[in-house]
N, C-alpha and C. Protein backbone atom coordinates (compact mmCIF):
# COMPACT_ATOMS: atom_id res chain seq x y z
N MET A 1 -9.34 -18.90 -6.86
CA MET A 1 -10.52 -18.04 -6.78
C MET A 1 -10.12 -16.70 -6.18
N SER A 2 -10.61 -15.64 -6.73
CA SER A 2 -10.30 -14.30 -6.23
C SER A 2 -10.98 -14.06 -4.90
N LEU A 3 -10.31 -13.35 -4.03
CA LEU A 3 -10.88 -12.97 -2.74
C LEU A 3 -12.21 -12.27 -2.93
N LEU A 4 -12.34 -11.51 -4.00
CA LEU A 4 -13.54 -10.71 -4.21
C LEU A 4 -14.78 -11.55 -4.47
N ARG A 5 -14.61 -12.80 -4.89
CA ARG A 5 -15.76 -13.64 -5.19
C ARG A 5 -16.45 -14.15 -3.93
N TYR A 6 -15.80 -14.05 -2.78
CA TYR A 6 -16.39 -14.54 -1.55
C TYR A 6 -17.55 -13.67 -1.07
N ASN A 7 -17.58 -12.42 -1.48
CA ASN A 7 -18.61 -11.50 -1.02
C ASN A 7 -19.08 -10.64 -2.19
N PRO A 8 -20.13 -11.05 -2.88
CA PRO A 8 -20.61 -10.31 -4.06
C PRO A 8 -20.95 -8.85 -3.75
N GLU A 9 -21.49 -8.59 -2.56
CA GLU A 9 -21.84 -7.20 -2.21
C GLU A 9 -20.58 -6.35 -2.13
N PHE A 10 -19.51 -6.92 -1.56
CA PHE A 10 -18.22 -6.23 -1.49
C PHE A 10 -17.75 -5.88 -2.91
N LEU A 11 -17.88 -6.83 -3.81
CA LEU A 11 -17.45 -6.63 -5.20
C LEU A 11 -18.20 -5.48 -5.87
N ASN A 12 -19.49 -5.37 -5.59
CA ASN A 12 -20.30 -4.32 -6.21
C ASN A 12 -19.91 -2.92 -5.76
N ASN A 13 -19.29 -2.81 -4.59
CA ASN A 13 -18.96 -1.51 -4.04
C ASN A 13 -17.53 -1.06 -4.34
N LEU A 14 -16.77 -1.84 -5.06
CA LEU A 14 -15.38 -1.50 -5.32
C LEU A 14 -15.24 -0.46 -6.43
N LYS A 15 -14.35 0.49 -6.21
CA LYS A 15 -14.04 1.48 -7.23
C LYS A 15 -12.75 1.06 -7.91
N GLU A 16 -12.77 0.95 -9.22
CA GLU A 16 -11.58 0.55 -9.97
C GLU A 16 -10.54 1.67 -9.95
N VAL A 17 -9.32 1.32 -9.60
CA VAL A 17 -8.23 2.29 -9.55
C VAL A 17 -7.02 1.72 -10.29
N SER A 18 -6.51 2.50 -11.25
CA SER A 18 -5.34 2.07 -12.02
C SER A 18 -4.06 2.55 -11.36
N LEU A 19 -3.05 1.70 -11.41
CA LEU A 19 -1.72 2.00 -10.89
C LEU A 19 -0.71 2.02 -12.02
N PRO A 20 0.31 2.92 -11.94
CA PRO A 20 0.51 3.93 -10.91
C PRO A 20 -0.62 4.95 -10.90
N LEU A 21 -0.70 5.69 -9.80
CA LEU A 21 -1.81 6.61 -9.58
C LEU A 21 -1.59 7.93 -10.30
N ALA A 22 -2.57 8.33 -11.07
CA ALA A 22 -2.54 9.64 -11.72
C ALA A 22 -2.89 10.70 -10.67
N ALA A 23 -2.24 11.86 -10.77
CA ALA A 23 -2.45 12.93 -9.78
C ALA A 23 -3.92 13.34 -9.67
N ASP A 24 -4.65 13.30 -10.79
CA ASP A 24 -6.05 13.74 -10.74
C ASP A 24 -6.98 12.69 -10.13
N VAL A 25 -6.48 11.47 -9.92
CA VAL A 25 -7.29 10.42 -9.31
C VAL A 25 -7.28 10.53 -7.78
N LEU A 26 -6.15 10.92 -7.23
CA LEU A 26 -6.00 10.96 -5.77
C LEU A 26 -7.11 11.75 -5.06
N PRO A 27 -7.48 12.94 -5.53
CA PRO A 27 -8.54 13.69 -4.83
C PRO A 27 -9.91 13.04 -4.92
N THR A 28 -10.09 12.08 -5.83
CA THR A 28 -11.39 11.43 -5.99
C THR A 28 -11.58 10.25 -5.03
N LEU A 29 -10.52 9.88 -4.31
CA LEU A 29 -10.58 8.73 -3.41
C LEU A 29 -10.83 9.21 -1.98
N ALA A 30 -11.94 8.76 -1.41
CA ALA A 30 -12.35 9.24 -0.09
C ALA A 30 -12.12 8.20 0.99
N ALA A 31 -11.79 8.66 2.19
CA ALA A 31 -11.62 7.76 3.32
C ALA A 31 -12.86 6.89 3.49
N GLY A 32 -12.64 5.59 3.63
CA GLY A 32 -13.72 4.63 3.76
C GLY A 32 -14.14 3.97 2.47
N GLU A 33 -13.62 4.47 1.35
CA GLU A 33 -13.99 3.92 0.05
C GLU A 33 -13.26 2.60 -0.22
N LEU A 34 -14.00 1.64 -0.76
CA LEU A 34 -13.42 0.35 -1.14
C LEU A 34 -12.91 0.45 -2.57
N VAL A 35 -11.67 0.00 -2.79
CA VAL A 35 -11.09 0.10 -4.12
C VAL A 35 -10.55 -1.25 -4.59
N SER A 36 -10.46 -1.37 -5.90
CA SER A 36 -9.87 -2.53 -6.56
C SER A 36 -8.69 -2.02 -7.37
N LEU A 37 -7.48 -2.42 -6.96
CA LEU A 37 -6.26 -1.91 -7.58
C LEU A 37 -5.84 -2.77 -8.76
N ASN A 38 -5.46 -2.10 -9.85
CA ASN A 38 -5.03 -2.80 -11.07
C ASN A 38 -3.83 -2.09 -11.67
N GLY A 39 -2.76 -2.84 -11.89
CA GLY A 39 -1.56 -2.25 -12.48
C GLY A 39 -0.32 -2.62 -11.70
N VAL A 40 0.61 -1.68 -11.61
CA VAL A 40 1.93 -1.94 -11.00
C VAL A 40 2.07 -1.20 -9.68
N LEU A 41 2.55 -1.93 -8.67
CA LEU A 41 2.92 -1.32 -7.39
C LEU A 41 4.26 -1.89 -6.97
N TYR A 42 4.88 -1.23 -5.98
CA TYR A 42 6.16 -1.68 -5.45
C TYR A 42 5.99 -2.06 -3.99
N THR A 43 6.89 -2.91 -3.50
CA THR A 43 6.81 -3.37 -2.12
C THR A 43 8.00 -2.87 -1.32
N GLY A 44 7.80 -2.81 -0.02
CA GLY A 44 8.91 -2.45 0.85
C GLY A 44 8.50 -2.54 2.31
N ARG A 45 9.39 -3.17 3.09
CA ARG A 45 9.19 -3.21 4.54
C ARG A 45 10.31 -2.42 5.20
N ASP A 46 10.58 -2.71 6.44
CA ASP A 46 11.55 -1.96 7.23
C ASP A 46 12.90 -1.81 6.55
N GLN A 47 13.49 -2.95 6.11
CA GLN A 47 14.83 -2.89 5.52
C GLN A 47 14.85 -2.09 4.24
N THR A 48 13.85 -2.25 3.41
CA THR A 48 13.79 -1.47 2.17
C THR A 48 13.73 0.01 2.48
N HIS A 49 12.93 0.39 3.45
CA HIS A 49 12.82 1.80 3.81
C HIS A 49 14.15 2.35 4.33
N ARG A 50 14.80 1.59 5.20
CA ARG A 50 16.10 2.03 5.72
C ARG A 50 17.09 2.22 4.58
N ARG A 51 17.11 1.29 3.65
CA ARG A 51 18.07 1.35 2.55
C ARG A 51 17.76 2.47 1.57
N LEU A 52 16.48 2.70 1.31
CA LEU A 52 16.11 3.80 0.43
C LEU A 52 16.59 5.13 1.03
N CYS A 53 16.35 5.31 2.32
CA CYS A 53 16.76 6.56 2.97
C CYS A 53 18.29 6.65 3.06
N ALA A 54 18.97 5.53 3.21
CA ALA A 54 20.44 5.55 3.22
C ALA A 54 20.97 5.99 1.86
N LEU A 55 20.34 5.51 0.78
CA LEU A 55 20.74 5.95 -0.57
C LEU A 55 20.54 7.45 -0.72
N LEU A 56 19.44 7.95 -0.21
CA LEU A 56 19.19 9.39 -0.28
C LEU A 56 20.25 10.16 0.51
N ASP A 57 20.61 9.65 1.69
CA ASP A 57 21.64 10.29 2.51
C ASP A 57 22.98 10.37 1.79
N GLU A 58 23.23 9.34 0.96
CA GLU A 58 24.50 9.28 0.23
C GLU A 58 24.44 10.01 -1.10
N GLY A 59 23.30 10.61 -1.41
CA GLY A 59 23.15 11.33 -2.67
C GLY A 59 23.06 10.42 -3.88
N LYS A 60 22.68 9.17 -3.66
CA LYS A 60 22.58 8.20 -4.75
C LYS A 60 21.16 8.09 -5.27
N GLU A 61 21.04 7.55 -6.47
CA GLU A 61 19.73 7.35 -7.08
C GLU A 61 19.02 6.17 -6.46
N LEU A 62 17.71 6.27 -6.35
CA LEU A 62 16.92 5.15 -5.87
C LEU A 62 16.74 4.13 -7.00
N PRO A 63 16.46 2.87 -6.65
CA PRO A 63 16.28 1.85 -7.70
C PRO A 63 15.06 2.08 -8.58
N VAL A 64 14.08 2.84 -8.09
CA VAL A 64 12.90 3.19 -8.88
C VAL A 64 12.51 4.63 -8.59
N ASP A 65 11.86 5.26 -9.54
CA ASP A 65 11.30 6.58 -9.34
C ASP A 65 9.97 6.40 -8.60
N LEU A 66 9.87 6.92 -7.40
CA LEU A 66 8.68 6.70 -6.58
C LEU A 66 7.52 7.64 -6.91
N ALA A 67 7.74 8.61 -7.76
CA ALA A 67 6.69 9.58 -8.08
C ALA A 67 5.46 8.87 -8.66
N GLY A 68 4.32 9.10 -8.03
CA GLY A 68 3.06 8.51 -8.50
C GLY A 68 2.85 7.06 -8.13
N GLN A 69 3.80 6.47 -7.42
CA GLN A 69 3.73 5.04 -7.13
C GLN A 69 3.02 4.75 -5.81
N LEU A 70 2.62 3.48 -5.68
CA LEU A 70 2.07 2.95 -4.44
C LEU A 70 3.11 1.99 -3.87
N LEU A 71 3.43 2.14 -2.59
CA LEU A 71 4.38 1.27 -1.91
C LEU A 71 3.60 0.41 -0.92
N TYR A 72 3.63 -0.90 -1.15
CA TYR A 72 2.88 -1.87 -0.34
C TYR A 72 3.80 -2.47 0.71
N TYR A 73 3.39 -2.39 1.96
CA TYR A 73 4.17 -2.92 3.07
C TYR A 73 3.89 -4.42 3.21
N VAL A 74 4.74 -5.21 2.59
CA VAL A 74 4.54 -6.66 2.57
C VAL A 74 5.90 -7.35 2.51
N GLY A 75 5.97 -8.51 3.11
CA GLY A 75 7.14 -9.38 3.01
C GLY A 75 6.66 -10.73 2.53
N PRO A 76 6.51 -10.91 1.23
CA PRO A 76 5.89 -12.13 0.71
C PRO A 76 6.69 -13.38 1.03
N SER A 77 5.97 -14.47 1.22
CA SER A 77 6.65 -15.75 1.42
C SER A 77 7.01 -16.32 0.04
N PRO A 78 7.96 -17.27 0.00
CA PRO A 78 8.38 -17.83 -1.30
C PRO A 78 7.21 -18.49 -2.04
N ALA A 79 7.30 -18.41 -3.36
CA ALA A 79 6.25 -19.01 -4.20
C ALA A 79 6.38 -20.52 -4.22
N ARG A 80 5.26 -21.21 -4.13
CA ARG A 80 5.25 -22.65 -4.33
C ARG A 80 5.30 -22.91 -5.83
N PRO A 81 5.70 -24.10 -6.24
CA PRO A 81 5.77 -24.40 -7.68
C PRO A 81 4.45 -24.07 -8.39
N GLY A 82 4.59 -23.37 -9.52
CA GLY A 82 3.42 -23.01 -10.31
C GLY A 82 2.73 -21.74 -9.85
N ARG A 83 3.23 -21.10 -8.79
CA ARG A 83 2.62 -19.88 -8.28
C ARG A 83 3.53 -18.68 -8.54
N VAL A 84 2.93 -17.51 -8.64
CA VAL A 84 3.69 -16.28 -8.85
C VAL A 84 4.42 -15.87 -7.58
N ILE A 85 3.73 -16.03 -6.45
CA ILE A 85 4.25 -15.56 -5.16
C ILE A 85 3.58 -16.36 -4.07
N GLY A 86 4.18 -16.37 -2.89
CA GLY A 86 3.55 -16.99 -1.73
C GLY A 86 2.59 -16.01 -1.09
N ALA A 87 2.25 -16.26 0.16
CA ALA A 87 1.34 -15.37 0.88
C ALA A 87 1.88 -13.95 0.86
N ALA A 88 0.98 -12.99 0.65
CA ALA A 88 1.40 -11.60 0.48
C ALA A 88 0.47 -10.63 1.19
N GLY A 89 0.25 -10.90 2.48
CA GLY A 89 -0.60 -10.03 3.28
C GLY A 89 0.17 -8.83 3.80
N PRO A 90 -0.55 -7.78 4.18
CA PRO A 90 0.08 -6.54 4.62
C PRO A 90 0.75 -6.67 5.98
N THR A 91 1.78 -5.88 6.19
CA THR A 91 2.42 -5.80 7.50
C THR A 91 2.02 -4.48 8.16
N THR A 92 2.31 -4.37 9.44
CA THR A 92 1.93 -3.20 10.23
C THR A 92 2.65 -1.95 9.73
N SER A 93 1.88 -0.93 9.43
CA SER A 93 2.40 0.26 8.75
C SER A 93 3.19 1.21 9.63
N TYR A 94 2.86 1.29 10.92
CA TYR A 94 3.49 2.32 11.75
C TYR A 94 5.01 2.17 11.81
N ARG A 95 5.52 0.95 11.54
CA ARG A 95 6.97 0.75 11.57
C ARG A 95 7.67 1.53 10.46
N MET A 96 6.94 1.92 9.43
CA MET A 96 7.52 2.68 8.32
C MET A 96 7.33 4.18 8.49
N ASP A 97 6.65 4.60 9.57
CA ASP A 97 6.34 6.02 9.75
C ASP A 97 7.59 6.90 9.87
N LEU A 98 8.67 6.35 10.39
CA LEU A 98 9.91 7.11 10.52
C LEU A 98 10.43 7.57 9.15
N TYR A 99 10.18 6.76 8.12
CA TYR A 99 10.75 7.00 6.79
C TYR A 99 9.75 7.59 5.79
N THR A 100 8.47 7.38 6.03
CA THR A 100 7.46 7.73 5.03
C THR A 100 7.45 9.20 4.63
N PRO A 101 7.51 10.15 5.57
CA PRO A 101 7.47 11.56 5.13
C PRO A 101 8.56 11.91 4.13
N ARG A 102 9.73 11.33 4.30
CA ARG A 102 10.83 11.62 3.36
C ARG A 102 10.52 11.08 1.96
N LEU A 103 9.91 9.90 1.90
CA LEU A 103 9.58 9.32 0.59
C LEU A 103 8.42 10.06 -0.06
N LEU A 104 7.52 10.60 0.76
CA LEU A 104 6.41 11.39 0.22
C LEU A 104 6.94 12.65 -0.46
N GLU A 105 8.03 13.19 0.05
CA GLU A 105 8.64 14.38 -0.57
C GLU A 105 9.11 14.09 -2.00
N LEU A 106 9.36 12.82 -2.30
CA LEU A 106 9.82 12.42 -3.63
C LEU A 106 8.65 12.18 -4.59
N GLY A 107 7.43 12.35 -4.09
CA GLY A 107 6.26 12.17 -4.95
C GLY A 107 5.55 10.85 -4.78
N LEU A 108 5.95 10.03 -3.78
CA LEU A 108 5.23 8.79 -3.50
C LEU A 108 3.76 9.15 -3.29
N ALA A 109 2.88 8.50 -4.05
CA ALA A 109 1.46 8.89 -4.04
C ALA A 109 0.64 8.15 -3.02
N ALA A 110 1.05 6.92 -2.68
CA ALA A 110 0.23 6.12 -1.77
C ALA A 110 1.08 5.05 -1.10
N THR A 111 0.63 4.68 0.11
CA THR A 111 1.20 3.55 0.81
C THR A 111 0.06 2.63 1.20
N MET A 112 0.40 1.36 1.45
CA MET A 112 -0.64 0.39 1.81
C MET A 112 -0.07 -0.63 2.78
N GLY A 113 -0.82 -0.89 3.82
CA GLY A 113 -0.42 -1.88 4.81
C GLY A 113 -1.61 -2.19 5.68
N LYS A 114 -1.36 -2.27 7.01
CA LYS A 114 -2.47 -2.45 7.94
C LYS A 114 -2.19 -1.63 9.19
N GLY A 115 -3.25 -1.17 9.83
CA GLY A 115 -3.13 -0.38 11.04
C GLY A 115 -3.01 1.11 10.77
N ALA A 116 -3.10 1.88 11.85
CA ALA A 116 -3.10 3.34 11.75
C ALA A 116 -1.71 3.91 11.57
N ARG A 117 -1.65 5.14 11.05
CA ARG A 117 -0.40 5.87 10.87
C ARG A 117 -0.26 6.92 11.97
N SER A 118 0.98 7.37 12.18
CA SER A 118 1.24 8.39 13.20
C SER A 118 0.67 9.73 12.75
N PRO A 119 0.42 10.64 13.70
CA PRO A 119 -0.05 11.98 13.33
C PRO A 119 0.91 12.68 12.38
N GLU A 120 2.22 12.49 12.59
CA GLU A 120 3.22 13.13 11.72
C GLU A 120 3.12 12.61 10.29
N THR A 121 2.93 11.31 10.14
CA THR A 121 2.80 10.73 8.80
C THR A 121 1.51 11.18 8.13
N ARG A 122 0.42 11.23 8.90
CA ARG A 122 -0.84 11.70 8.33
C ARG A 122 -0.71 13.14 7.86
N ALA A 123 -0.04 13.96 8.65
CA ALA A 123 0.16 15.37 8.26
C ALA A 123 1.01 15.45 6.99
N ALA A 124 2.04 14.62 6.89
CA ALA A 124 2.90 14.62 5.70
C ALA A 124 2.12 14.17 4.47
N MET A 125 1.23 13.19 4.64
CA MET A 125 0.41 12.74 3.51
C MET A 125 -0.49 13.87 3.02
N GLN A 126 -1.10 14.57 3.96
CA GLN A 126 -1.97 15.67 3.55
C GLN A 126 -1.15 16.77 2.86
N LYS A 127 0.00 17.07 3.41
CA LYS A 127 0.87 18.11 2.83
C LYS A 127 1.26 17.78 1.39
N HIS A 128 1.54 16.51 1.13
CA HIS A 128 2.04 16.11 -0.19
C HIS A 128 0.95 15.52 -1.09
N GLY A 129 -0.30 15.54 -0.62
CA GLY A 129 -1.40 15.05 -1.45
C GLY A 129 -1.36 13.55 -1.69
N ALA A 130 -0.97 12.79 -0.67
CA ALA A 130 -0.87 11.34 -0.78
C ALA A 130 -1.96 10.67 0.04
N ILE A 131 -2.16 9.38 -0.20
CA ILE A 131 -3.19 8.62 0.51
C ILE A 131 -2.57 7.38 1.14
N TYR A 132 -3.33 6.83 2.10
CA TYR A 132 -2.94 5.56 2.74
C TYR A 132 -4.10 4.59 2.61
N LEU A 133 -3.77 3.37 2.19
CA LEU A 133 -4.75 2.31 2.02
C LEU A 133 -4.45 1.18 2.99
N ALA A 134 -5.48 0.47 3.39
CA ALA A 134 -5.29 -0.75 4.18
C ALA A 134 -5.80 -1.92 3.38
N SER A 135 -5.03 -3.00 3.43
CA SER A 135 -5.48 -4.22 2.80
C SER A 135 -5.94 -5.18 3.91
N ILE A 136 -6.26 -6.38 3.55
CA ILE A 136 -6.90 -7.30 4.48
C ILE A 136 -5.86 -8.14 5.21
N GLY A 137 -5.66 -7.85 6.48
CA GLY A 137 -4.73 -8.62 7.29
C GLY A 137 -5.22 -10.04 7.48
N GLY A 138 -4.31 -11.01 7.51
CA GLY A 138 -4.68 -12.41 7.72
C GLY A 138 -5.18 -13.11 6.47
N ALA A 139 -5.12 -12.44 5.33
CA ALA A 139 -5.62 -13.04 4.08
C ALA A 139 -4.52 -13.09 3.02
N GLY A 140 -3.27 -13.29 3.46
CA GLY A 140 -2.13 -13.24 2.55
C GLY A 140 -2.21 -14.21 1.39
N ALA A 141 -2.70 -15.44 1.64
CA ALA A 141 -2.78 -16.44 0.57
C ALA A 141 -3.81 -16.02 -0.48
N LEU A 142 -4.91 -15.43 -0.02
CA LEU A 142 -5.94 -14.98 -0.95
C LEU A 142 -5.48 -13.75 -1.73
N LEU A 143 -4.80 -12.83 -1.05
CA LEU A 143 -4.30 -11.64 -1.75
C LEU A 143 -3.28 -12.01 -2.80
N ALA A 144 -2.51 -13.06 -2.55
CA ALA A 144 -1.50 -13.50 -3.51
C ALA A 144 -2.13 -13.86 -4.85
N LYS A 145 -3.37 -14.28 -4.84
CA LYS A 145 -4.05 -14.63 -6.09
C LYS A 145 -4.32 -13.41 -6.96
N CYS A 146 -4.27 -12.22 -6.36
CA CYS A 146 -4.46 -10.97 -7.11
C CYS A 146 -3.15 -10.47 -7.71
N ILE A 147 -2.05 -11.12 -7.38
CA ILE A 147 -0.73 -10.72 -7.89
C ILE A 147 -0.41 -11.60 -9.09
N LYS A 148 -0.33 -10.98 -10.27
CA LYS A 148 -0.16 -11.72 -11.51
C LYS A 148 1.30 -11.85 -11.94
N LYS A 149 2.15 -10.97 -11.41
CA LYS A 149 3.58 -11.03 -11.76
C LYS A 149 4.37 -10.41 -10.63
N SER A 150 5.52 -11.00 -10.31
CA SER A 150 6.40 -10.48 -9.27
C SER A 150 7.82 -10.46 -9.79
N GLU A 151 8.50 -9.34 -9.58
CA GLU A 151 9.88 -9.19 -10.07
C GLU A 151 10.71 -8.49 -8.99
N LEU A 152 11.87 -9.06 -8.67
CA LEU A 152 12.78 -8.44 -7.71
C LEU A 152 13.34 -7.17 -8.32
N VAL A 153 13.30 -6.07 -7.56
CA VAL A 153 13.79 -4.78 -8.04
C VAL A 153 15.10 -4.39 -7.39
N ALA A 154 15.19 -4.59 -6.06
CA ALA A 154 16.38 -4.16 -5.33
C ALA A 154 16.47 -4.86 -3.97
N PHE A 155 17.67 -4.85 -3.40
CA PHE A 155 17.93 -5.36 -2.05
C PHE A 155 17.60 -6.83 -1.91
N GLY A 156 17.98 -7.61 -2.90
CA GLY A 156 17.68 -9.05 -2.91
C GLY A 156 18.19 -9.80 -1.70
N ASP A 157 19.27 -9.31 -1.09
CA ASP A 157 19.82 -9.99 0.08
C ASP A 157 18.93 -9.84 1.31
N ALA A 158 17.91 -9.00 1.21
CA ALA A 158 16.99 -8.80 2.34
C ALA A 158 15.87 -9.84 2.34
N GLY A 159 15.90 -10.78 1.43
CA GLY A 159 14.87 -11.84 1.38
C GLY A 159 13.49 -11.26 1.15
N PRO A 160 12.51 -11.62 1.99
CA PRO A 160 11.16 -11.12 1.79
C PRO A 160 11.03 -9.61 2.00
N GLU A 161 12.05 -9.01 2.64
CA GLU A 161 12.00 -7.55 2.85
C GLU A 161 12.63 -6.79 1.68
N ALA A 162 12.98 -7.49 0.62
CA ALA A 162 13.51 -6.85 -0.59
C ALA A 162 12.41 -6.01 -1.23
N MET A 163 12.80 -5.22 -2.22
CA MET A 163 11.81 -4.44 -2.97
C MET A 163 11.43 -5.23 -4.22
N PHE A 164 10.12 -5.44 -4.37
CA PHE A 164 9.58 -6.16 -5.51
C PHE A 164 8.67 -5.24 -6.32
N ARG A 165 8.49 -5.59 -7.57
CA ARG A 165 7.51 -4.95 -8.44
C ARG A 165 6.41 -5.97 -8.68
N PHE A 166 5.21 -5.65 -8.26
CA PHE A 166 4.05 -6.52 -8.45
C PHE A 166 3.15 -5.96 -9.53
N GLU A 167 2.64 -6.84 -10.36
CA GLU A 167 1.52 -6.49 -11.24
C GLU A 167 0.29 -7.11 -10.60
N VAL A 168 -0.70 -6.26 -10.26
CA VAL A 168 -1.86 -6.74 -9.54
C VAL A 168 -3.14 -6.56 -10.36
N GLU A 169 -4.10 -7.40 -10.02
CA GLU A 169 -5.40 -7.36 -10.69
C GLU A 169 -6.49 -7.57 -9.65
N ASN A 170 -7.41 -6.63 -9.57
CA ASN A 170 -8.52 -6.71 -8.61
C ASN A 170 -8.03 -6.89 -7.17
N PHE A 171 -7.00 -6.14 -6.81
CA PHE A 171 -6.44 -6.23 -5.46
C PHE A 171 -7.27 -5.32 -4.55
N PRO A 172 -7.94 -5.90 -3.53
CA PRO A 172 -8.86 -5.11 -2.72
C PRO A 172 -8.17 -4.31 -1.61
N ALA A 173 -8.67 -3.12 -1.36
CA ALA A 173 -8.14 -2.28 -0.28
C ALA A 173 -9.20 -1.27 0.12
N VAL A 174 -8.95 -0.62 1.24
CA VAL A 174 -9.83 0.44 1.75
C VAL A 174 -9.00 1.71 1.89
N VAL A 175 -9.53 2.82 1.45
CA VAL A 175 -8.85 4.11 1.65
C VAL A 175 -9.02 4.48 3.12
N ILE A 176 -7.90 4.62 3.82
CA ILE A 176 -7.94 4.99 5.23
C ILE A 176 -7.72 6.49 5.40
N ASN A 177 -6.68 7.02 4.79
CA ASN A 177 -6.40 8.46 4.85
C ASN A 177 -6.45 9.03 3.45
N ASP A 178 -7.27 10.06 3.26
CA ASP A 178 -7.38 10.67 1.93
C ASP A 178 -6.64 12.00 1.88
N VAL A 179 -6.61 12.64 0.72
CA VAL A 179 -5.84 13.87 0.56
C VAL A 179 -6.44 15.04 1.33
N GLN A 180 -7.70 14.92 1.73
CA GLN A 180 -8.32 15.97 2.53
C GLN A 180 -7.96 15.85 4.02
N GLY A 181 -7.24 14.78 4.37
CA GLY A 181 -6.83 14.59 5.76
C GLY A 181 -7.80 13.78 6.60
N ARG A 182 -8.84 13.24 5.97
CA ARG A 182 -9.79 12.42 6.73
C ARG A 182 -9.17 11.07 7.05
N ASP A 183 -9.54 10.51 8.20
CA ASP A 183 -9.02 9.24 8.69
C ASP A 183 -10.19 8.30 8.93
N TYR A 184 -10.25 7.21 8.16
CA TYR A 184 -11.39 6.29 8.26
C TYR A 184 -11.48 5.64 9.63
N TYR A 185 -10.35 5.31 10.24
CA TYR A 185 -10.38 4.71 11.58
C TYR A 185 -11.04 5.67 12.57
N ALA A 186 -10.68 6.94 12.49
CA ALA A 186 -11.28 7.94 13.39
C ALA A 186 -12.77 8.10 13.09
N MET A 187 -13.14 8.04 11.82
CA MET A 187 -14.55 8.17 11.44
C MET A 187 -15.38 7.03 12.02
N VAL A 188 -14.83 5.80 11.95
CA VAL A 188 -15.53 4.64 12.48
C VAL A 188 -15.65 4.74 14.00
N ALA A 189 -14.56 5.15 14.67
CA ALA A 189 -14.57 5.31 16.12
C ALA A 189 -15.62 6.34 16.56
N GLU A 190 -15.69 7.43 15.80
CA GLU A 190 -16.66 8.48 16.12
C GLU A 190 -18.09 7.99 15.93
N GLN A 191 -18.30 7.21 14.87
CA GLN A 191 -19.64 6.67 14.62
C GLN A 191 -20.05 5.71 15.74
N LYS A 192 -19.13 4.85 16.17
CA LYS A 192 -19.45 3.90 17.26
C LYS A 192 -19.76 4.66 18.54
N LYS A 193 -19.01 5.73 18.77
CA LYS A 193 -19.21 6.53 19.98
C LYS A 193 -20.60 7.18 19.97
N SER A 194 -21.01 7.68 18.80
CA SER A 194 -22.32 8.34 18.70
C SER A 194 -23.47 7.35 18.79
N GLU A 195 -23.19 6.08 18.42
CA GLU A 195 -24.23 5.06 18.47
C GLU A 195 -24.38 4.50 19.89
N GLY A 196 -23.37 4.79 20.72
CA GLY A 196 -23.51 4.52 22.05
C GLY A 196 -23.10 3.48 22.87
C-alpha cells in the first residue's frame, strides 16, 4: 500500500512533479508545498559525496551528469526477496552541506533528505536556482514502496552509501527551501512564535 493512501487529505494536496526537474518547474515550487515525485532520481550519502568531490579534484568525469537531477540522501537497506529495495528513508542532510555547494555548481537541481541546511548551503541553492526537499523520516519501509526500480550506479564497495538510480512513483516530499530563498522551517517557527 502506498504511503499516500493513509491520509486522503494529504493526497489531495500533492503537486505532481516529474524527474529529472525541468528548469522552468523549479520556480513554481514554493516552500511548504507538498509534492509527489515521479521519474528518476539519484542517491548519495557521505561517502558518495566525498568520492564525487574527489573525482572533481582529480579532473575526472562523474559517474552521472548531475545537471537537472535530484540527489536523495539515503542509505537503503538490502531488498528482501521479491522487493525492489529495503527501507529507504532519508538521512540527515546537514552532513552533506560541506559538499553540496560544489555539486550545485554542476547544475544539481535539488537535494532531498531530512532536517535543516546550513546558511551557506541555503545561499548556494538560491544562487544556483536549486531547491531542497524533505521526505518523511522514520517511514523508510513505506517510502520503499514508492521506489519501482533500483540500479547501482557507482561506488558499489560503499554498500548502502553507494550511488543508486531510483525510479520513483508518487514519492511524497515537502519543499523546504525554494529558489526564492524561502525556508519552510523558518516559516513554521515564525508562525508558531506569532501564535504565541
